[in-house]
Amino acid sequence: IADMREKRYEDEGIGSSYMFRVDHDTIIDATKCGN
């Protein structure tokens, strides 16, 4: 899902994505719903 969103953010013109890897399987995406 992170790979799909990263490409979508680029297509939408969002210059920065805020993704933080927790472990091998989990990533926290704060691009549109973070603090």
All heavy atoms as atom14 arrays in JSON, in Angstrom:
{
  "sequence": "IADMREKRYEDEGIGSSYMFRVDHDTIIDATKCGN",
  "atom14_mask": [
    [1, 1, 1, 1, 1, 1, 1, 1, 0, 0, 0, 0, 0, 0],
    [1, 1, 1, 1, 1, 0, 0, 0, 0, 0, 0, 0, 0, 0],
    [1, 1, 1, 1, 1, 1, 1, 1, 0, 0, 0, 0, 0, 0],
    [1, 1, 1, 1, 1, 1, 1, 1, 0, 0, 0, 0, 0, 0],
    [1, 1, 1, 1, 1, 1, 1, 1, 1, 1, 1, 0, 0, 0],
    [1, 1, 1, 1, 1, 1, 1, 1, 1, 0, 0, 0, 0, 0],
    [1, 1, 1, 1, 1, 1, 1, 1, 1, 0, 0, 0, 0, 0],
    [1, 1, 1, 1, 1, 1, 1, 1, 1, 1, 1, 0, 0, 0],
    [1, 1, 1, 1, 1, 1, 1, 1, 1, 1, 1, 1, 0, 0],
    [1, 1, 1, 1, 1, 1, 1, 1, 1, 0, 0, 0, 0, 0],
    [1, 1, 1, 1, 1, 1, 1, 1, 0, 0, 0, 0, 0, 0],
    [1, 1, 1, 1, 1, 1, 1, 1, 1, 0, 0, 0, 0, 0],
    [1, 1, 1, 1, 0, 0, 0, 0, 0, 0, 0, 0, 0, 0],
    [1, 1, 1, 1, 1, 1, 1, 1, 0, 0, 0, 0, 0, 0],
    [1, 1, 1, 1, 0, 0, 0, 0, 0, 0, 0, 0, 0, 0],
    [1, 1, 1, 1, 1, 1, 0, 0, 0, 0, 0, 0, 0, 0],
    [1, 1, 1, 1, 1, 1, 0, 0, 0, 0, 0, 0, 0, 0],
    [1, 1, 1, 1, 1, 1, 1, 1, 1, 1, 1, 1, 0, 0],
    [1, 1, 1, 1, 1, 1, 1, 1, 0, 0, 0, 0, 0, 0],
    [1, 1, 1, 1, 1, 1, 1, 1, 1, 1, 1, 0, 0, 0],
    [1, 1, 1, 1, 1, 1, 1, 1, 1, 1, 1, 0, 0, 0],
    [1, 1, 1, 1, 1, 1, 1, 0, 0, 0, 0, 0, 0, 0],
    [1, 1, 1, 1, 1, 1, 1, 1, 0, 0, 0, 0, 0, 0],
    [1, 1, 1, 1, 1, 1, 1, 1, 1, 1, 0, 0, 0, 0],
    [1, 1, 1, 1, 1, 1, 1, 1, 0, 0, 0, 0, 0, 0],
    [1, 1, 1, 1, 1, 1, 1, 0, 0, 0, 0, 0, 0, 0],
    [1, 1, 1, 1, 1, 1, 1, 1, 0, 0, 0, 0, 0, 0],
    [1, 1, 1, 1, 1, 1, 1, 1, 0, 0, 0, 0, 0, 0],
    [1, 1, 1, 1, 1, 1, 1, 1, 0, 0, 0, 0, 0, 0],
    [1, 1, 1, 1, 1, 0, 0, 0, 0, 0, 0, 0, 0, 0],
    [1, 1, 1, 1, 1, 1, 1, 0, 0, 0, 0, 0, 0, 0],
    [1, 1, 1, 1, 1, 1, 1, 1, 1, 0, 0, 0, 0, 0],
    [1, 1, 1, 1, 1, 1, 0, 0, 0, 0, 0, 0, 0, 0],
    [1, 1, 1, 1, 0, 0, 0, 0, 0, 0, 0, 0, 0, 0],
    [1, 1, 1, 1, 1, 1, 1, 1, 0, 0, 0, 0, 0, 0]
  ],
  "atom14_positions": [
    [[0.84, -1.2, 0.0], [0.0, 0.0, 0.0], [0.87, 1.26, 0.0], [0.56, 2.25, -0.65], [-0.94, 0.0, 1.21], [-1.79, -1.27, 1.24], [-1.82, 1.24, 1.22], [-2.67, -1.44, 0.02], [0.0, 0.0, 0.0], [0.0, 0.0, 0.0], [0.0, 0.0, 0.0], [0.0, 0.0, 0.0], [0.0, 0.0, 0.0], [0.0, 0.0, 0.0]],
    [[2.0, 1.2, 0.72], [2.9, 2.35, 0.78], [3.46, 2.67, -0.6], [3.55, 3.85, -1.0], [4.03, 2.07, 1.77], [0.0, 0.0, 0.0], [0.0, 0.0, 0.0], [0.0, 0.0, 0.0], [0.0, 0.0, 0.0], [0.0, 0.0, 0.0], [0.0, 0.0, 0.0], [0.0, 0.0, 0.0], [0.0, 0.0, 0.0], [0.0, 0.0, 0.0]],
    [[3.83, 1.64, -1.36], [4.35, 1.86, -2.72], [3.29, 2.5, -3.61], [3.58, 3.41, -4.4], [4.82, 0.53, -3.31], [6.03, -0.03, -2.58], [6.74, 0.75, -1.92], [6.25, -1.26, -2.65], [0.0, 0.0, 0.0], [0.0, 0.0, 0.0], [0.0, 0.0, 0.0], [0.0, 0.0, 0.0], [0.0, 0.0, 0.0], [0.0, 0.0, 0.0]],
    [[2.05, 2.02, -3.5], [0.95, 2.57, -4.32], [0.68, 4.02, -3.95], [0.5, 4.88, -4.81], [-0.31, 1.73, -4.11], [-0.21, 0.3, -4.64], [-1.64, -0.71, -4.19], [-2.99, 0.25, -4.85], [0.0, 0.0, 0.0], [0.0, 0.0, 0.0], [0.0, 0.0, 0.0], [0.0, 0.0, 0.0], [0.0, 0.0, 0.0], [0.0, 0.0, 0.0]],
    [[0.68, 4.3, -2.65], [0.39, 5.68, -2.21], [1.51, 6.64, -2.61], [1.24, 7.79, -2.98], [0.19, 5.7, -0.69], [-1.12, 5.11, -0.24], [-1.36, 5.4, 1.23], [-2.62, 4.86, 1.68], [-3.12, 5.03, 2.91], [-2.42, 5.74, 3.8], [-4.29, 4.51, 3.25], [0.0, 0.0, 0.0], [0.0, 0.0, 0.0], [0.0, 0.0, 0.0]],
    [[2.74, 6.16, -2.54], [3.87, 7.03, -2.89], [3.76, 7.48, -4.34], [3.99, 8.66, -4.67], [5.19, 6.3, -2.65], [6.4, 7.22, -2.71], [7.66, 6.54, -2.22], [7.63, 5.31, -1.98], [8.67, 7.24, -2.07], [0.0, 0.0, 0.0], [0.0, 0.0, 0.0], [0.0, 0.0, 0.0], [0.0, 0.0, 0.0], [0.0, 0.0, 0.0]],
    [[3.38, 6.56, -5.21], [3.21, 6.91, -6.64], [2.03, 7.85, -6.82], [2.08, 8.8, -7.6], [3.0, 5.64, -7.46], [2.96, 5.89, -8.96], [2.8, 4.6, -9.73], [2.86, 4.86, -11.23], [1.91, 5.89, -11.69], [0.0, 0.0, 0.0], [0.0, 0.0, 0.0], [0.0, 0.0, 0.0], [0.0, 0.0, 0.0], [0.0, 0.0, 0.0]],
    [[0.93, 7.59, -6.06], [-0.24, 8.44, -6.18], [0.04, 9.86, -5.69], [-0.42, 10.83, -6.27], [-1.41, 7.84, -5.39], [-2.73, 8.55, -5.65], [-3.88, 7.84, -4.99], [-3.88, 8.08, -3.55], [-4.11, 7.14, -2.64], [-4.28, 5.88, -3.01], [-4.13, 7.44, -1.36], [0.0, 0.0, 0.0], [0.0, 0.0, 0.0], [0.0, 0.0, 0.0]],
    [[0.82, 9.96, -4.61], [1.17, 11.29, -4.09], [1.98, 12.08, -5.11], [1.8, 13.29, -5.27], [1.97, 11.15, -2.79], [1.17, 10.6, -1.63], [1.79, 9.92, -0.59], [-0.22, 10.75, -1.57], [1.06, 9.42, 0.49], [-0.95, 10.25, -0.51], [-0.31, 9.58, 0.52], [-1.02, 9.08, 1.56], [0.0, 0.0, 0.0], [0.0, 0.0, 0.0]],
    [[2.87, 11.38, -5.84], [3.65, 12.05, -6.88], [2.75, 12.54, -8.0], [2.91, 13.66, -8.49], [4.7, 11.09, -7.43], [5.82, 10.76, -6.45], [6.82, 9.79, -7.02], [6.63, 9.36, -8.19], [7.79, 9.44, -6.32], [0.0, 0.0, 0.0], [0.0, 0.0, 0.0], [0.0, 0.0, 0.0], [0.0, 0.0, 0.0], [0.0, 0.0, 0.0]],
    [[1.76, 11.71, -8.39], [0.83, 12.1, -9.45], [-0.05, 13.27, -9.02], [-0.45, 14.1, -9.84], [-0.06, 10.91, -9.84], [0.74, 9.76, -10.46], [1.86, 10.04, -10.94], [0.26, 8.61, -10.44], [0.0, 0.0, 0.0], [0.0, 0.0, 0.0], [0.0, 0.0, 0.0], [0.0, 0.0, 0.0], [0.0, 0.0, 0.0], [0.0, 0.0, 0.0]],
    [[-0.35, 13.36, -7.72], [-1.2, 14.44, -7.2], [-0.4, 15.72, -6.97], [-0.98, 16.75, -6.61], [-1.87, 14.01, -5.9], [-2.89, 12.89, -6.08], [-3.46, 12.42, -4.75], [-2.97, 12.89, -3.69], [-4.39, 11.6, -4.75], [0.0, 0.0, 0.0], [0.0, 0.0, 0.0], [0.0, 0.0, 0.0], [0.0, 0.0, 0.0], [0.0, 0.0, 0.0]],
    [[0.91, 15.65, -7.14], [1.73, 16.84, -6.96], [2.14, 17.1, -5.53], [2.59, 18.2, -5.2], [0.0, 0.0, 0.0], [0.0, 0.0, 0.0], [0.0, 0.0, 0.0], [0.0, 0.0, 0.0], [0.0, 0.0, 0.0], [0.0, 0.0, 0.0], [0.0, 0.0, 0.0], [0.0, 0.0, 0.0], [0.0, 0.0, 0.0], [0.0, 0.0, 0.0]],
    [[1.99, 16.1, -4.69], [2.42, 16.24, -3.29], [3.92, 16.0, -3.24], [4.4, 14.88, -3.46], [1.68, 15.25, -2.37], [0.18, 15.51, -2.44], [2.19, 15.36, -0.94], [-0.65, 14.55, -1.63], [0.0, 0.0, 0.0], [0.0, 0.0, 0.0], [0.0, 0.0, 0.0], [0.0, 0.0, 0.0], [0.0, 0.0, 0.0], [0.0, 0.0, 0.0]],
    [[4.68, 17.04, -2.99], [6.13, 16.95, -3.06], [6.74, 16.07, -1.99], [7.74, 15.39, -2.21], [0.0, 0.0, 0.0], [0.0, 0.0, 0.0], [0.0, 0.0, 0.0], [0.0, 0.0, 0.0], [0.0, 0.0, 0.0], [0.0, 0.0, 0.0], [0.0, 0.0, 0.0], [0.0, 0.0, 0.0], [0.0, 0.0, 0.0], [0.0, 0.0, 0.0]],
    [[6.13, 16.08, -0.8], [6.7, 15.31, 0.31], [5.68, 14.3, 0.81], [4.5, 14.64, 0.99], [7.1, 16.25, 1.46], [8.07, 17.18, 1.03], [0.0, 0.0, 0.0], [0.0, 0.0, 0.0], [0.0, 0.0, 0.0], [0.0, 0.0, 0.0], [0.0, 0.0, 0.0], [0.0, 0.0, 0.0], [0.0, 0.0, 0.0], [0.0, 0.0, 0.0]],
    [[6.11, 13.1, 1.01], [5.27, 12.1, 1.67], [5.88, 11.83, 3.03], [7.1, 11.83, 3.19], [5.19, 10.81, 0.84], [6.47, 10.21, 0.74], [0.0, 0.0, 0.0], [0.0, 0.0, 0.0], [0.0, 0.0, 0.0], [0.0, 0.0, 0.0], [0.0, 0.0, 0.0], [0.0, 0.0, 0.0], [0.0, 0.0, 0.0], [0.0, 0.0, 0.0]],
    [[5.04, 11.63, 4.01], [5.51, 11.45, 5.38], [5.26, 10.01, 5.81], [4.26, 9.72, 6.47], [4.8, 12.44, 6.3], [4.98, 13.88, 5.88], [4.09, 14.49, 4.99], [6.06, 14.64, 6.34], [4.26, 15.81, 4.6], [6.23, 15.96, 5.95], [5.33, 16.53, 5.08], [5.5, 17.84, 4.69], [0.0, 0.0, 0.0], [0.0, 0.0, 0.0]],
    [[6.17, 9.13, 5.41], [6.05, 7.72, 5.74], [7.21, 7.3, 6.63], [8.36, 7.61, 6.34], [6.01, 6.86, 4.48], [4.8, 7.11, 3.61], [4.63, 5.89, 2.3], [3.2, 6.54, 1.41], [0.0, 0.0, 0.0], [0.0, 0.0, 0.0], [0.0, 0.0, 0.0], [0.0, 0.0, 0.0], [0.0, 0.0, 0.0], [0.0, 0.0, 0.0]],
    [[6.88, 6.61, 7.71], [7.88, 6.2, 8.69], [7.77, 4.68, 8.86], [6.73, 4.17, 9.23], [7.62, 6.89, 10.04], [8.84, 6.96, 10.91], [9.27, 8.18, 11.4], [9.54, 5.82, 11.27], [10.39, 8.26, 12.22], [10.67, 5.89, 12.07], [11.08, 7.12, 12.55], [0.0, 0.0, 0.0], [0.0, 0.0, 0.0], [0.0, 0.0, 0.0]],
    [[8.87, 3.98, 8.57], [8.86, 2.52, 8.67], [8.97, 2.09, 10.13], [9.87, 2.5, 10.85], [10.01, 1.91, 7.87], [10.08, 0.39, 7.93], [11.15, -0.17, 7.03], [10.85, 0.11, 5.64], [10.01, -0.62, 4.91], [9.37, -1.66, 5.46], [9.78, -0.31, 3.65], [0.0, 0.0, 0.0], [0.0, 0.0, 0.0], [0.0, 0.0, 0.0]],
    [[8.02, 1.23, 10.54], [8.03, 0.67, 11.89], [8.85, -0.61, 11.93], [9.72, -0.79, 12.77], [6.59, 0.39, 12.39], [6.6, -0.19, 13.8], [5.76, 1.67, 12.35], [0.0, 0.0, 0.0], [0.0, 0.0, 0.0], [0.0, 0.0, 0.0], [0.0, 0.0, 0.0], [0.0, 0.0, 0.0], [0.0, 0.0, 0.0], [0.0, 0.0, 0.0]],
    [[8.56, -1.51, 11.01], [9.3, -2.76, 10.88], [9.25, -3.2, 9.42], [8.89, -2.41, 8.54], [8.75, -3.84, 11.82], [7.25, -4.05, 11.67], [6.75, -3.87, 10.55], [6.59, -4.38, 12.67], [0.0, 0.0, 0.0], [0.0, 0.0, 0.0], [0.0, 0.0, 0.0], [0.0, 0.0, 0.0], [0.0, 0.0, 0.0], [0.0, 0.0, 0.0]],
    [[9.58, -4.46, 9.16], [9.65, -4.96, 7.79], [8.3, -4.9, 7.1], [8.22, -4.69, 5.87], [10.18, -6.4, 7.79], [10.3, -6.98, 6.41], [11.27, -6.58, 5.51], [9.54, -7.93, 5.77], [11.13, -7.24, 4.39], [10.09, -8.07, 4.51], [0.0, 0.0, 0.0], [0.0, 0.0, 0.0], [0.0, 0.0, 0.0], [0.0, 0.0, 0.0]],
    [[7.2, -5.07, 7.85], [5.88, -5.18, 7.24], [5.0, -3.94, 7.43], [4.0, -3.78, 6.73], [5.12, -6.39, 7.81], [5.86, -7.69, 7.55], [6.38, -7.85, 6.44], [5.92, -8.53, 8.47], [0.0, 0.0, 0.0], [0.0, 0.0, 0.0], [0.0, 0.0, 0.0], [0.0, 0.0, 0.0], [0.0, 0.0, 0.0], [0.0, 0.0, 0.0]],
    [[5.34, -3.08, 8.36], [4.44, -1.98, 8.73], [5.09, -0.62, 8.51], [6.25, -0.42, 8.86], [4.01, -2.1, 10.21], [3.5, -3.42, 10.44], [2.93, -1.08, 10.54], [0.0, 0.0, 0.0], [0.0, 0.0, 0.0], [0.0, 0.0, 0.0], [0.0, 0.0, 0.0], [0.0, 0.0, 0.0], [0.0, 0.0, 0.0], [0.0, 0.0, 0.0]],
    [[4.31, 0.3, 7.95], [4.74, 1.67, 7.72], [3.64, 2.61, 8.22], [2.45, 2.33, 8.03], [5.01, 1.94, 6.23], [6.22, 1.11, 5.76], [5.25, 3.42, 5.96], [6.45, 1.15, 4.27], [0.0, 0.0, 0.0], [0.0, 0.0, 0.0], [0.0, 0.0, 0.0], [0.0, 0.0, 0.0], [0.0, 0.0, 0.0], [0.0, 0.0, 0.0]],
    [[4.03, 3.69, 8.87], [3.07, 4.7, 9.31], [3.06, 5.83, 8.29], [4.08, 6.46, 8.04], [3.43, 5.25, 10.71], [3.28, 4.15, 11.76], [2.54, 6.44, 11.05], [3.61, 4.62, 13.17], [0.0, 0.0, 0.0], [0.0, 0.0, 0.0], [0.0, 0.0, 0.0], [0.0, 0.0, 0.0], [0.0, 0.0, 0.0], [0.0, 0.0, 0.0]],
    [[1.89, 6.06, 7.7], [1.74, 7.11, 6.7], [1.03, 8.3, 7.36], [-0.15, 8.23, 7.7], [0.91, 6.6, 5.52], [0.75, 7.65, 4.43], [1.43, 8.7, 4.52], [-0.04, 7.42, 3.5], [0.0, 0.0, 0.0], [0.0, 0.0, 0.0], [0.0, 0.0, 0.0], [0.0, 0.0, 0.0], [0.0, 0.0, 0.0], [0.0, 0.0, 0.0]],
    [[1.76, 9.4, 7.5], [1.2, 10.61, 8.11], [1.01, 11.72, 7.1], [0.84, 12.88, 7.46], [2.12, 11.09, 9.24], [0.0, 0.0, 0.0], [0.0, 0.0, 0.0], [0.0, 0.0, 0.0], [0.0, 0.0, 0.0], [0.0, 0.0, 0.0], [0.0, 0.0, 0.0], [0.0, 0.0, 0.0], [0.0, 0.0, 0.0], [0.0, 0.0, 0.0]],
    [[1.0, 11.38, 5.81], [0.92, 12.39, 4.75], [-0.37, 13.19, 4.82], [-0.37, 14.42, 4.73], [1.05, 11.73, 3.37], [2.24, 10.94, 3.33], [1.1, 12.78, 2.27], [0.0, 0.0, 0.0], [0.0, 0.0, 0.0], [0.0, 0.0, 0.0], [0.0, 0.0, 0.0], [0.0, 0.0, 0.0], [0.0, 0.0, 0.0], [0.0, 0.0, 0.0]],
    [[-1.5, 12.5, 5.0], [-2.79, 13.17, 5.0], [-3.53, 13.06, 6.33], [-4.57, 13.72, 6.5], [-3.67, 12.61, 3.88], [-3.16, 12.93, 2.49], [-4.15, 12.5, 1.43], [-3.69, 12.92, 0.03], [-4.67, 12.53, -1.02], [0.0, 0.0, 0.0], [0.0, 0.0, 0.0], [0.0, 0.0, 0.0], [0.0, 0.0, 0.0], [0.0, 0.0, 0.0]],
    [[-3.05, 12.25, 7.24], [-3.73, 12.12, 8.55], [-2.69, 11.9, 9.63], [-2.58, 10.81, 10.19], [-4.76, 11.0, 8.53], [-4.11, 9.4, 8.05], [0.0, 0.0, 0.0], [0.0, 0.0, 0.0], [0.0, 0.0, 0.0], [0.0, 0.0, 0.0], [0.0, 0.0, 0.0], [0.0, 0.0, 0.0], [0.0, 0.0, 0.0], [0.0, 0.0, 0.0]],
    [[-1.91, 12.93, 9.9], [-0.88, 12.83, 10.93], [-0.98, 13.98, 11.91], [-1.94, 14.75, 11.89], [0.0, 0.0, 0.0], [0.0, 0.0, 0.0], [0.0, 0.0, 0.0], [0.0, 0.0, 0.0], [0.0, 0.0, 0.0], [0.0, 0.0, 0.0], [0.0, 0.0, 0.0], [0.0, 0.0, 0.0], [0.0, 0.0, 0.0], [0.0, 0.0, 0.0]],
    [[0.02, 14.1, 12.75], [0.07, 15.2, 13.71], [1.31, 16.04, 13.46], [1.97, 15.92, 12.42], [0.03, 14.67, 15.15], [1.22, 13.8, 15.48], [2.01, 13.42, 14.6], [1.38, 13.45, 16.74], [0.0, 0.0, 0.0], [0.0, 0.0, 0.0], [0.0, 0.0, 0.0], [0.0, 0.0, 0.0], [0.0, 0.0, 0.0], [0.0, 0.0, 0.0]]
  ]
}
